[in-house]
Amino acid sequence: MTKLITIITTAILAPQITQAASYTLKSFVDDIVSLINTAVPVLISLAIVLFFYHSGVGIFGTSSGDTASRAKLKETLIWGIIIIFVMVSIWGILNLLVGGLNLTKPTG
């Protein structure tokens, strides 16, 4: 895991290190914001895929007749729906604020 983090960090920062003279704090922050803006939809999609996978495994796999495991599965699925709803809601509210306050990056 540490090697993976090192490789990803090196891949992200390598172009900036080689062009260090023209690389400022603002461009570094812009790169981080761009990375986060790319990662959020990917993470939400991953959460949805894992939710459906977990629900499928739970419904068709392990909890075939046990009422205790069905109750636990139901509780887990409800919390999964709540968490995905909160993630998408926060992301949407932040996008509305950014768009409404014209906080987008100026072009040109």
PDB file of N, CA and C in Angstrom:
ATOM      1  N   MET A   1       0.823  -1.183   0.000  1.00  0.00           N
ATOM      2  CA  MET A   1       0.000   0.000   0.000  1.00  0.00           C
ATOM      3  C   MET A   1       0.871   1.252   0.000  1.00  0.00           C
ATOM      4  N   THR A   2       1.945   1.245   0.755  1.00  0.00           N
ATOM      5  CA  THR A   2       2.838   2.396   0.806  1.00  0.00           C
ATOM      6  C   THR A   2       3.501   2.628  -0.542  1.00  0.00           C
ATOM      7  N   LYS A   3       3.870   1.558  -1.212  1.00  0.00           N
ATOM      8  CA  LYS A   3       4.478   1.701  -2.540  1.00  0.00           C
ATOM      9  C   LYS A   3       3.497   2.314  -3.523  1.00  0.00           C
ATOM     10  N   LEU A   4       2.224   1.914  -3.442  1.00  0.00           N
ATOM     11  CA  LEU A   4       1.205   2.450  -4.331  1.00  0.00           C
ATOM     12  C   LEU A   4       1.024   3.946  -4.106  1.00  0.00           C
ATOM     13  N   ILE A   5       0.969   4.364  -2.858  1.00  0.00           N
ATOM     14  CA  ILE A   5       0.831   5.784  -2.540  1.00  0.00           C
ATOM     15  C   ILE A   5       2.047   6.558  -3.037  1.00  0.00           C
ATOM     16  N   THR A   6       3.239   5.993  -2.886  1.00  0.00           N
ATOM     17  CA  THR A   6       4.455   6.644  -3.365  1.00  0.00           C
ATOM     18  C   THR A   6       4.440   6.787  -4.882  1.00  0.00           C
ATOM     19  N   ILE A   7       4.003   5.755  -5.573  1.00  0.00           N
ATOM     20  CA  ILE A   7       3.953   5.800  -7.041  1.00  0.00           C
ATOM     21  C   ILE A   7       2.941   6.836  -7.517  1.00  0.00           C
ATOM     22  N   ILE A   8       1.767   6.877  -6.895  1.00  0.00           N
ATOM     23  CA  ILE A   8       0.738   7.839  -7.287  1.00  0.00           C
ATOM     24  C   ILE A   8       1.206   9.264  -7.007  1.00  0.00           C
ATOM     25  N   THR A   9       1.786   9.480  -5.844  1.00  0.00           N
ATOM     26  CA  THR A   9       2.281  10.814  -5.506  1.00  0.00           C
ATOM     27  C   THR A   9       3.374  11.250  -6.462  1.00  0.00           C
ATOM     28  N   THR A  10       4.274  10.358  -6.801  1.00  0.00           N
ATOM     29  CA  THR A  10       5.341  10.683  -7.740  1.00  0.00           C
ATOM     30  C   THR A  10       4.780  10.998  -9.117  1.00  0.00           C
ATOM     31  N   ALA A  11       3.798  10.230  -9.555  1.00  0.00           N
ATOM     32  CA  ALA A  11       3.202  10.467 -10.873  1.00  0.00           C
ATOM     33  C   ALA A  11       2.487  11.809 -10.931  1.00  0.00           C
ATOM     34  N   ILE A  12       1.874  12.205  -9.823  1.00  0.00           N
ATOM     35  CA  ILE A  12       1.162  13.483  -9.798  1.00  0.00           C
ATOM     36  C   ILE A  12       2.141  14.651  -9.733  1.00  0.00           C
ATOM     37  N   LEU A  13       3.174  14.518  -8.921  1.00  0.00           N
ATOM     38  CA  LEU A  13       4.077  15.647  -8.687  1.00  0.00           C
ATOM     39  C   LEU A  13       5.266  15.717  -9.628  1.00  0.00           C
ATOM     40  N   ALA A  14       5.530  14.677 -10.411  1.00  0.00           N
ATOM     41  CA  ALA A  14       6.717  14.672 -11.276  1.00  0.00           C
ATOM     42  C   ALA A  14       6.727  15.819 -12.287  1.00  0.00           C
ATOM     43  N   PRO A  15       5.646  16.088 -12.988  1.00  0.00           N
ATOM     44  CA  PRO A  15       5.698  17.214 -13.925  1.00  0.00           C
ATOM     45  C   PRO A  15       5.923  18.551 -13.229  1.00  0.00           C
ATOM     46  N   GLN A  16       5.389  18.711 -12.041  1.00  0.00           N
ATOM     47  CA  GLN A  16       5.557  19.959 -11.333  1.00  0.00           C
ATOM     48  C   GLN A  16       6.985  20.134 -10.828  1.00  0.00           C
ATOM     49  N   ILE A  17       7.624  19.059 -10.440  1.00  0.00           N
ATOM     50  CA  ILE A  17       9.000  19.141  -9.944  1.00  0.00           C
ATOM     51  C   ILE A  17       9.949  19.500 -11.077  1.00  0.00           C
ATOM     52  N   THR A  18       9.716  18.958 -12.255  1.00  0.00           N
ATOM     53  CA  THR A  18      10.615  19.251 -13.375  1.00  0.00           C
ATOM     54  C   THR A  18      10.431  20.675 -13.882  1.00  0.00           C
ATOM     55  N   GLN A  19       9.282  21.261 -13.676  1.00  0.00           N
ATOM     56  CA  GLN A  19       9.040  22.639 -14.086  1.00  0.00           C
ATOM     57  C   GLN A  19       8.882  23.531 -12.864  1.00  0.00           C
ATOM     58  N   ALA A  20       9.753  23.387 -11.898  1.00  0.00           N
ATOM     59  CA  ALA A  20       9.623  24.055 -10.609  1.00  0.00           C
ATOM     60  C   ALA A  20       9.735  25.570 -10.719  1.00  0.00           C
ATOM     61  N   ALA A  21      10.429  26.084 -11.703  1.00  0.00           N
ATOM     62  CA  ALA A  21      10.594  27.525 -11.817  1.00  0.00           C
ATOM     63  C   ALA A  21       9.271  28.216 -12.118  1.00  0.00           C
ATOM     64  N   SER A  22       8.428  27.615 -12.923  1.00  0.00           N
ATOM     65  CA  SER A  22       7.156  28.237 -13.280  1.00  0.00           C
ATOM     66  C   SER A  22       5.998  27.709 -12.446  1.00  0.00           C
ATOM     67  N   TYR A  23       6.268  26.907 -11.460  1.00  0.00           N
ATOM     68  CA  TYR A  23       5.217  26.280 -10.664  1.00  0.00           C
ATOM     69  C   TYR A  23       5.038  27.056  -9.373  1.00  0.00           C
ATOM     70  N   THR A  24       3.854  27.614  -9.175  1.00  0.00           N
ATOM     71  CA  THR A  24       3.592  28.423  -7.989  1.00  0.00           C
ATOM     72  C   THR A  24       2.631  27.698  -7.058  1.00  0.00           C
ATOM     73  N   LEU A  25       2.398  28.297  -5.915  1.00  0.00           N
ATOM     74  CA  LEU A  25       1.464  27.725  -4.949  1.00  0.00           C
ATOM     75  C   LEU A  25       0.051  27.694  -5.527  1.00  0.00           C
ATOM     76  N   LYS A  26      -0.312  28.728  -6.271  1.00  0.00           N
ATOM     77  CA  LYS A  26      -1.640  28.774  -6.882  1.00  0.00           C
ATOM     78  C   LYS A  26      -1.829  27.627  -7.871  1.00  0.00           C
ATOM     79  N   SER A  27      -0.836  27.356  -8.683  1.00  0.00           N
ATOM     80  CA  SER A  27      -0.978  26.259  -9.637  1.00  0.00           C
ATOM     81  C   SER A  27      -0.995  24.905  -8.920  1.00  0.00           C
ATOM     82  N   PHE A  28      -0.272  24.801  -7.808  1.00  0.00           N
ATOM     83  CA  PHE A  28      -0.309  23.572  -7.017  1.00  0.00           C
ATOM     84  C   PHE A  28      -1.703  23.360  -6.438  1.00  0.00           C
ATOM     85  N   VAL A  29      -2.293  24.413  -5.879  1.00  0.00           N
ATOM     86  CA  VAL A  29      -3.639  24.323  -5.320  1.00  0.00           C
ATOM     87  C   VAL A  29      -4.647  24.020  -6.431  1.00  0.00           C
ATOM     88  N   ASP A  30      -4.476  24.636  -7.599  1.00  0.00           N
ATOM     89  CA  ASP A  30      -5.358  24.337  -8.731  1.00  0.00           C
ATOM     90  C   ASP A  30      -5.275  22.871  -9.133  1.00  0.00           C
ATOM     91  N   ASP A  31      -4.075  22.312  -9.103  1.00  0.00           N
ATOM     92  CA  ASP A  31      -3.908  20.893  -9.430  1.00  0.00           C
ATOM     93  C   ASP A  31      -4.601  20.002  -8.402  1.00  0.00           C
ATOM     94  N   ILE A  32      -4.481  20.353  -7.137  1.00  0.00           N
ATOM     95  CA  ILE A  32      -5.131  19.571  -6.075  1.00  0.00           C
ATOM     96  C   ILE A  32      -6.656  19.660  -6.214  1.00  0.00           C
ATOM     97  N   VAL A  33      -7.180  20.857  -6.475  1.00  0.00           N
ATOM     98  CA  VAL A  33      -8.626  21.036  -6.653  1.00  0.00           C
ATOM     99  C   VAL A  33      -9.106  20.250  -7.863  1.00  0.00           C
ATOM    100  N   SER A  34      -8.335  20.273  -8.936  1.00  0.00           N
ATOM    101  CA  SER A  34      -8.685  19.508 -10.129  1.00  0.00           C
ATOM    102  C   SER A  34      -8.705  18.012  -9.833  1.00  0.00           C
ATOM    103  N   LEU A  35      -7.744  17.547  -9.062  1.00  0.00           N
ATOM    104  CA  LEU A  35      -7.698  16.139  -8.677  1.00  0.00           C
ATOM    105  C   LEU A  35      -8.914  15.759  -7.838  1.00  0.00           C
ATOM    106  N   ILE A  36      -9.296  16.621  -6.910  1.00  0.00           N
ATOM    107  CA  ILE A  36     -10.462  16.348  -6.068  1.00  0.00           C
ATOM    108  C   ILE A  36     -11.734  16.364  -6.909  1.00  0.00           C
ATOM    109  N   ASN A  37     -11.834  17.337  -7.838  1.00  0.00           N
ATOM    110  CA  ASN A  37     -13.022  17.407  -8.701  1.00  0.00           C
ATOM    111  C   ASN A  37     -13.146  16.178  -9.583  1.00  0.00           C
ATOM    112  N   THR A  38     -12.037  15.566  -9.926  1.00  0.00           N
ATOM    113  CA  THR A  38     -12.075  14.332 -10.710  1.00  0.00           C
ATOM    114  C   THR A  38     -12.379  13.132  -9.817  1.00  0.00           C
ATOM    115  N   ALA A  39     -11.891  13.147  -8.593  1.00  0.00           N
ATOM    116  CA  ALA A  39     -12.023  11.994  -7.707  1.00  0.00           C
ATOM    117  C   ALA A  39     -13.431  11.845  -7.128  1.00  0.00           C
ATOM    118  N   VAL A  40     -14.133  12.949  -6.906  1.00  0.00           N
ATOM    119  CA  VAL A  40     -15.439  12.871  -6.249  1.00  0.00           C
ATOM    120  C   VAL A  40     -16.441  12.037  -7.059  1.00  0.00           C
ATOM    121  N   PRO A  41     -16.632  12.291  -8.357  1.00  0.00           N
ATOM    122  CA  PRO A  41     -17.570  11.434  -9.096  1.00  0.00           C
ATOM    123  C   PRO A  41     -17.125   9.970  -9.148  1.00  0.00           C
ATOM    124  N   VAL A  42     -15.820   9.753  -9.205  1.00  0.00           N
ATOM    125  CA  VAL A  42     -15.317   8.381  -9.217  1.00  0.00           C
ATOM    126  C   VAL A  42     -15.639   7.691  -7.896  1.00  0.00           C
ATOM    127  N   LEU A  43     -15.445   8.381  -6.791  1.00  0.00           N
ATOM    128  CA  LEU A  43     -15.739   7.792  -5.482  1.00  0.00           C
ATOM    129  C   LEU A  43     -17.229   7.553  -5.281  1.00  0.00           C
ATOM    130  N   ILE A  44     -18.065   8.467  -5.770  1.00  0.00           N
ATOM    131  CA  ILE A  44     -19.508   8.264  -5.663  1.00  0.00           C
ATOM    132  C   ILE A  44     -19.926   7.057  -6.504  1.00  0.00           C
ATOM    133  N   SER A  45     -19.373   6.946  -7.704  1.00  0.00           N
ATOM    134  CA  SER A  45     -19.682   5.788  -8.551  1.00  0.00           C
ATOM    135  C   SER A  45     -19.228   4.495  -7.899  1.00  0.00           C
ATOM    136  N   LEU A  46     -18.046   4.509  -7.301  1.00  0.00           N
ATOM    137  CA  LEU A  46     -17.540   3.330  -6.601  1.00  0.00           C
ATOM    138  C   LEU A  46     -18.444   2.958  -5.431  1.00  0.00           C
ATOM    139  N   ALA A  47     -18.932   3.961  -4.696  1.00  0.00           N
ATOM    140  CA  ALA A  47     -19.835   3.690  -3.582  1.00  0.00           C
ATOM    141  C   ALA A  47     -21.124   3.044  -4.064  1.00  0.00           C
ATOM    142  N   ILE A  48     -21.652   3.520  -5.187  1.00  0.00           N
ATOM    143  CA  ILE A  48     -22.891   2.951  -5.724  1.00  0.00           C
ATOM    144  C   ILE A  48     -22.666   1.515  -6.200  1.00  0.00           C
ATOM    145  N   VAL A  49     -21.552   1.282  -6.883  1.00  0.00           N
ATOM    146  CA  VAL A  49     -21.243  -0.073  -7.357  1.00  0.00           C
ATOM    147  C   VAL A  49     -21.071  -1.025  -6.168  1.00  0.00           C
ATOM    148  N   LEU A  50     -20.341  -0.600  -5.151  1.00  0.00           N
ATOM    149  CA  LEU A  50     -20.149  -1.446  -3.969  1.00  0.00           C
ATOM    150  C   LEU A  50     -21.462  -1.683  -3.233  1.00  0.00           C
ATOM    151  N   PHE A  51     -22.335  -0.678  -3.219  1.00  0.00           N
ATOM    152  CA  PHE A  51     -23.638  -0.843  -2.588  1.00  0.00           C
ATOM    153  C   PHE A  51     -24.441  -1.937  -3.293  1.00  0.00           C
ATOM    154  N   PHE A  52     -24.499  -1.857  -4.636  1.00  0.00           N
ATOM    155  CA  PHE A  52     -25.250  -2.875  -5.372  1.00  0.00           C
ATOM    156  C   PHE A  52     -24.601  -4.254  -5.246  1.00  0.00           C
ATOM    157  N   TYR A  53     -23.277  -4.298  -5.241  1.00  0.00           N
ATOM    158  CA  TYR A  53     -22.593  -5.580  -5.068  1.00  0.00           C
ATOM    159  C   TYR A  53     -22.921  -6.172  -3.701  1.00  0.00           C
ATOM    160  N   HIS A  54     -22.833  -5.339  -2.660  1.00  0.00           N
ATOM    161  CA  HIS A  54     -23.095  -5.824  -1.304  1.00  0.00           C
ATOM    162  C   HIS A  54     -24.553  -6.267  -1.168  1.00  0.00           C
ATOM    163  N   SER A  55     -25.467  -5.513  -1.760  1.00  0.00           N
ATOM    164  CA  SER A  55     -26.872  -5.914  -1.653  1.00  0.00           C
ATOM    165  C   SER A  55     -27.138  -7.210  -2.416  1.00  0.00           C
ATOM    166  N   GLY A  56     -26.506  -7.377  -3.569  1.00  0.00           N
ATOM    167  CA  GLY A  56     -26.680  -8.609  -4.327  1.00  0.00           C
ATOM    168  C   GLY A  56     -26.118  -9.815  -3.610  1.00  0.00           C
ATOM    169  N   VAL A  57     -24.935  -9.652  -3.049  1.00  0.00           N
ATOM    170  CA  VAL A  57     -24.325 -10.757  -2.301  1.00  0.00           C
ATOM    171  C   VAL A  57     -25.163 -11.079  -1.072  1.00  0.00           C
ATOM    172  N   GLY A  58     -25.652 -10.057  -0.415  1.00  0.00           N
ATOM    173  CA  GLY A  58     -26.447 -10.283   0.788  1.00  0.00           C
ATOM    174  C   GLY A  58     -27.783 -10.926   0.503  1.00  0.00           C
ATOM    175  N   ILE A  59     -28.430 -10.497  -0.564  1.00  0.00           N
ATOM    176  CA  ILE A  59     -29.763 -11.023  -0.877  1.00  0.00           C
ATOM    177  C   ILE A  59     -29.680 -12.438  -1.439  1.00  0.00           C
ATOM    178  N   PHE A  60     -28.749 -12.649  -2.373  1.00  0.00           N
ATOM    179  CA  PHE A  60     -28.695 -13.944  -3.046  1.00  0.00           C
ATOM    180  C   PHE A  60     -27.701 -14.916  -2.431  1.00  0.00           C
ATOM    181  N   GLY A  61     -26.863 -14.425  -1.546  1.00  0.00           N
ATOM    182  CA  GLY A  61     -25.807 -15.286  -1.044  1.00  0.00           C
ATOM    183  C   GLY A  61     -25.997 -15.742   0.380  1.00  0.00           C
ATOM    184  N   THR A  62     -25.557 -14.957   1.303  1.00  0.00           N
ATOM    185  CA  THR A  62     -25.389 -15.426   2.670  1.00  0.00           C
ATOM    186  C   THR A  62     -26.672 -15.488   3.481  1.00  0.00           C
ATOM    187  N   SER A  63     -27.591 -14.571   3.284  1.00  0.00           N
ATOM    188  CA  SER A  63     -28.758 -14.514   4.169  1.00  0.00           C
ATOM    189  C   SER A  63     -29.968 -15.191   3.544  1.00  0.00           C
ATOM    190  N   SER A  64     -29.834 -16.455   3.247  1.00  0.00           N
ATOM    191  CA  SER A  64     -30.901 -17.160   2.541  1.00  0.00           C
ATOM    192  C   SER A  64     -32.144 -17.376   3.397  1.00  0.00           C
ATOM    193  N   GLY A  65     -32.003 -17.587   4.674  1.00  0.00           N
ATOM    194  CA  GLY A  65     -33.186 -17.842   5.487  1.00  0.00           C
ATOM    195  C   GLY A  65     -33.055 -17.349   6.912  1.00  0.00           C
ATOM    196  N   ASP A  66     -31.881 -16.942   7.305  1.00  0.00           N
ATOM    197  CA  ASP A  66     -31.626 -16.498   8.669  1.00  0.00           C
ATOM    198  C   ASP A  66     -32.214 -15.107   8.874  1.00  0.00           C
ATOM    199  N   THR A  67     -33.133 -14.984   9.846  1.00  0.00           N
ATOM    200  CA  THR A  67     -33.790 -13.695  10.068  1.00  0.00           C
ATOM    201  C   THR A  67     -32.841 -12.669  10.671  1.00  0.00           C
ATOM    202  N   ALA A  68     -31.904 -13.098  11.482  1.00  0.00           N
ATOM    203  CA  ALA A  68     -30.963 -12.152  12.082  1.00  0.00           C
ATOM    204  C   ALA A  68     -30.049 -11.543  11.017  1.00  0.00           C
ATOM    205  N   SER A  69     -29.584 -12.364  10.091  1.00  0.00           N
ATOM    206  CA  SER A  69     -28.711 -11.829   9.043  1.00  0.00           C
ATOM    207  C   SER A  69     -29.507 -10.964   8.057  1.00  0.00           C
ATOM    208  N   ARG A  70     -30.779 -11.302   7.847  1.00  0.00           N
ATOM    209  CA  ARG A  70     -31.623 -10.455   6.984  1.00  0.00           C
ATOM    210  C   ARG A  70     -31.840  -9.092   7.626  1.00  0.00           C
ATOM    211  N   ALA A  71     -32.048  -9.059   8.934  1.00  0.00           N
ATOM    212  CA  ALA A  71     -32.244  -7.787   9.629  1.00  0.00           C
ATOM    213  C   ALA A  71     -30.969  -6.946   9.566  1.00  0.00           C
ATOM    214  N   LYS A  72     -29.823  -7.592   9.738  1.00  0.00           N
ATOM    215  CA  LYS A  72     -28.556  -6.872   9.644  1.00  0.00           C
ATOM    216  C   LYS A  72     -28.336  -6.358   8.227  1.00  0.00           C
ATOM    217  N   LEU A  73     -28.674  -7.169   7.224  1.00  0.00           N
ATOM    218  CA  LEU A  73     -28.549  -6.747   5.830  1.00  0.00           C
ATOM    219  C   LEU A  73     -29.456  -5.557   5.545  1.00  0.00           C
ATOM    220  N   LYS A  74     -30.689  -5.602   6.051  1.00  0.00           N
ATOM    221  CA  LYS A  74     -31.623  -4.500   5.841  1.00  0.00           C
ATOM    222  C   LYS A  74     -31.080  -3.214   6.458  1.00  0.00           C
ATOM    223  N   GLU A  75     -30.548  -3.313   7.664  1.00  0.00           N
ATOM    224  CA  GLU A  75     -29.974  -2.135   8.331  1.00  0.00           C
ATOM    225  C   GLU A  75     -28.769  -1.603   7.558  1.00  0.00           C
ATOM    226  N   THR A  76     -27.910  -2.488   7.074  1.00  0.00           N
ATOM    227  CA  THR A  76     -26.739  -2.076   6.308  1.00  0.00           C
ATOM    228  C   THR A  76     -27.143  -1.405   5.008  1.00  0.00           C
ATOM    229  N   LEU A  77     -28.137  -1.927   4.326  1.00  0.00           N
ATOM    230  CA  LEU A  77     -28.594  -1.338   3.071  1.00  0.00           C
ATOM    231  C   LEU A  77     -29.233   0.025   3.293  1.00  0.00           C
ATOM    232  N   ILE A  78     -29.995   0.175   4.361  1.00  0.00           N
ATOM    233  CA  ILE A  78     -30.591   1.481   4.671  1.00  0.00           C
ATOM    234  C   ILE A  78     -29.498   2.510   4.937  1.00  0.00           C
ATOM    235  N   TRP A  79     -28.486   2.140   5.720  1.00  0.00           N
ATOM    236  CA  TRP A  79     -27.375   3.066   5.983  1.00  0.00           C
ATOM    237  C   TRP A  79     -26.604   3.369   4.701  1.00  0.00           C
ATOM    238  N   GLY A  80     -26.473   2.393   3.829  1.00  0.00           N
ATOM    239  CA  GLY A  80     -25.807   2.631   2.550  1.00  0.00           C
ATOM    240  C   GLY A  80     -26.549   3.648   1.704  1.00  0.00           C
ATOM    241  N   ILE A  81     -27.872   3.526   1.650  1.00  0.00           N
ATOM    242  CA  ILE A  81     -28.681   4.493   0.904  1.00  0.00           C
ATOM    243  C   ILE A  81     -28.550   5.884   1.509  1.00  0.00           C
ATOM    244  N   ILE A  82     -28.575   5.972   2.828  1.00  0.00           N
ATOM    245  CA  ILE A  82     -28.446   7.269   3.503  1.00  0.00           C
ATOM    246  C   ILE A  82     -27.083   7.896   3.201  1.00  0.00           C
ATOM    247  N   ILE A  83     -26.020   7.109   3.276  1.00  0.00           N
ATOM    248  CA  ILE A  83     -24.679   7.635   3.043  1.00  0.00           C
ATOM    249  C   ILE A  83     -24.514   8.107   1.599  1.00  0.00           C
ATOM    250  N   ILE A  84     -24.992   7.325   0.635  1.00  0.00           N
ATOM    251  CA  ILE A  84     -24.895   7.739  -0.771  1.00  0.00           C
ATOM    252  C   ILE A  84     -25.715   9.003  -0.997  1.00  0.00           C
ATOM    253  N   PHE A  85     -26.900   9.091  -0.387  1.00  0.00           N
ATOM    254  CA  PHE A  85     -27.718  10.292  -0.520  1.00  0.00           C
ATOM    255  C   PHE A  85     -27.004  11.515   0.041  1.00  0.00           C
ATOM    256  N   VAL A  86     -26.375  11.379   1.196  1.00  0.00           N
ATOM    257  CA  VAL A  86     -25.649  12.502   1.803  1.00  0.00           C
ATOM    258  C   VAL A  86     -24.465  12.913   0.928  1.00  0.00           C
ATOM    259  N   MET A  87     -23.731  11.937   0.398  1.00  0.00           N
ATOM    260  CA  MET A  87     -22.583  12.260  -0.464  1.00  0.00           C
ATOM    261  C   MET A  87     -23.020  13.044  -1.692  1.00  0.00           C
ATOM    262  N   VAL A  88     -24.051  12.572  -2.362  1.00  0.00           N
ATOM    263  CA  VAL A  88     -24.523  13.236  -3.578  1.00  0.00           C
ATOM    264  C   VAL A  88     -25.131  14.594  -3.241  1.00  0.00           C
ATOM    265  N   SER A  89     -25.824  14.702  -2.117  1.00  0.00           N
ATOM    266  CA  SER A  89     -26.428  15.976  -1.723  1.00  0.00           C
ATOM    267  C   SER A  89     -25.371  17.032  -1.428  1.00  0.00           C
ATOM    268  N   ILE A  90     -24.346  16.670  -0.676  1.00  0.00           N
ATOM    269  CA  ILE A  90     -23.280  17.625  -0.363  1.00  0.00           C
ATOM    270  C   ILE A  90     -22.573  18.061  -1.637  1.00  0.00           C
ATOM    271  N   TRP A  91     -22.298  17.119  -2.520  1.00  0.00           N
ATOM    272  CA  TRP A  91     -21.643  17.439  -3.785  1.00  0.00           C
ATOM    273  C   TRP A  91     -22.517  18.388  -4.617  1.00  0.00           C
ATOM    274  N   GLY A  92     -23.812  18.116  -4.671  1.00  0.00           N
ATOM    275  CA  GLY A  92     -24.727  18.970  -5.421  1.00  0.00           C
ATOM    276  C   GLY A  92     -24.852  20.357  -4.816  1.00  0.00           C
ATOM    277  N   ILE A  93     -24.941  20.447  -3.487  1.00  0.00           N
ATOM    278  CA  ILE A  93     -25.039  21.748  -2.823  1.00  0.00           C
ATOM    279  C   ILE A  93     -23.783  22.570  -3.074  1.00  0.00           C
ATOM    280  N   LEU A  94     -22.616  21.935  -2.990  1.00  0.00           N
ATOM    281  CA  LEU A  94     -21.374  22.661  -3.253  1.00  0.00           C
ATOM    282  C   LEU A  94     -21.294  23.126  -4.704  1.00  0.00           C
ATOM    283  N   ASN A  95     -21.743  22.309  -5.639  1.00  0.00           N
ATOM    284  CA  ASN A  95     -21.757  22.726  -7.043  1.00  0.00           C
ATOM    285  C   ASN A  95     -22.727  23.882  -7.268  1.00  0.00           C
ATOM    286  N   LEU A  96     -23.883  23.875  -6.586  1.00  0.00           N
ATOM    287  CA  LEU A  96     -24.818  24.990  -6.685  1.00  0.00           C
ATOM    288  C   LEU A  96     -24.203  26.274  -6.122  1.00  0.00           C
ATOM    289  N   LEU A  97     -23.509  26.164  -4.991  1.00  0.00           N
ATOM    290  CA  LEU A  97     -22.870  27.341  -4.403  1.00  0.00           C
ATOM    291  C   LEU A  97     -21.785  27.894  -5.312  1.00  0.00           C
ATOM    292  N   VAL A  98     -20.964  27.017  -5.855  1.00  0.00           N
ATOM    293  CA  VAL A  98     -19.888  27.459  -6.742  1.00  0.00           C
ATOM    294  C   VAL A  98     -20.477  28.119  -7.993  1.00  0.00           C
ATOM    295  N   GLY A  99     -21.493  27.519  -8.561  1.00  0.00           N
ATOM    296  CA  GLY A  99     -22.101  28.088  -9.756  1.00  0.00           C
ATOM    297  C   GLY A  99     -22.875  29.363  -9.464  1.00  0.00           C
ATOM    298  N   GLY A 100     -23.561  29.412  -8.335  1.00  0.00           N
ATOM    299  CA  GLY A 100     -24.370  30.587  -7.973  1.00  0.00           C
ATOM    300  C   GLY A 100     -23.535  31.785  -7.582  1.00  0.00           C
ATOM    301  N   LEU A 101     -22.396  31.555  -6.975  1.00  0.00           N
ATOM    302  CA  LEU A 101     -21.527  32.647  -6.547  1.00  0.00           C
ATOM    303  C   LEU A 101     -20.447  32.973  -7.567  1.00  0.00           C
ATOM    304  N   ASN A 102     -20.510  32.332  -8.729  1.00  0.00           N
ATOM    305  CA  ASN A 102     -19.526  32.538  -9.793  1.00  0.00           C
ATOM    306  C   ASN A 102     -18.100  32.334  -9.291  1.00  0.00           C
ATOM    307  N   LEU A 103     -17.883  31.237  -8.603  1.00  0.00           N
ATOM    308  CA  LEU A 103     -16.562  30.930  -8.071  1.00  0.00           C
ATOM    309  C   LEU A 103     -15.755  30.056  -9.020  1.00  0.00           C
ATOM    310  N   THR A 104     -16.209  29.942 -10.245  1.00  0.00           N
ATOM    311  CA  THR A 104     -15.479  29.108 -11.197  1.00  0.00           C
ATOM    312  C   THR A 104     -14.206  29.790 -11.631  1.00  0.00           C
ATOM    313  N   LYS A 105     -13.287  29.014 -12.112  1.00  0.00           N
ATOM    314  CA  LYS A 105     -12.011  29.520 -12.550  1.00  0.00           C
ATOM    315  C   LYS A 105     -12.186  30.363 -13.825  1.00  0.00           C
ATOM    316  N   PRO A 106     -11.680  31.596 -13.860  1.00  0.00           N
ATOM    317  CA  PRO A 106     -11.837  32.407 -15.055  1.00  0.00           C
ATOM    318  C   PRO A 106     -11.048  31.846 -16.223  1.00  0.00           C
ATOM    319  N   THR A 107     -11.632  31.931 -17.403  1.00  0.00           N
ATOM    320  CA  THR A 107     -10.941  31.444 -18.593  1.00  0.00           C
ATOM    321  C   THR A 107     -10.178  32.578 -19.243  1.00  0.00           C
ATOM    322  N   GLY A 108      -9.074  32.232 -19.888  1.00  0.00           N
ATOM    323  CA  GLY A 108      -8.288  33.216 -20.618  1.00  0.00           C
ATOM    324  C   GLY A 108      -7.329  33.855 -19.768  1.00  0.00           C
TER     325      GLY A 108
END
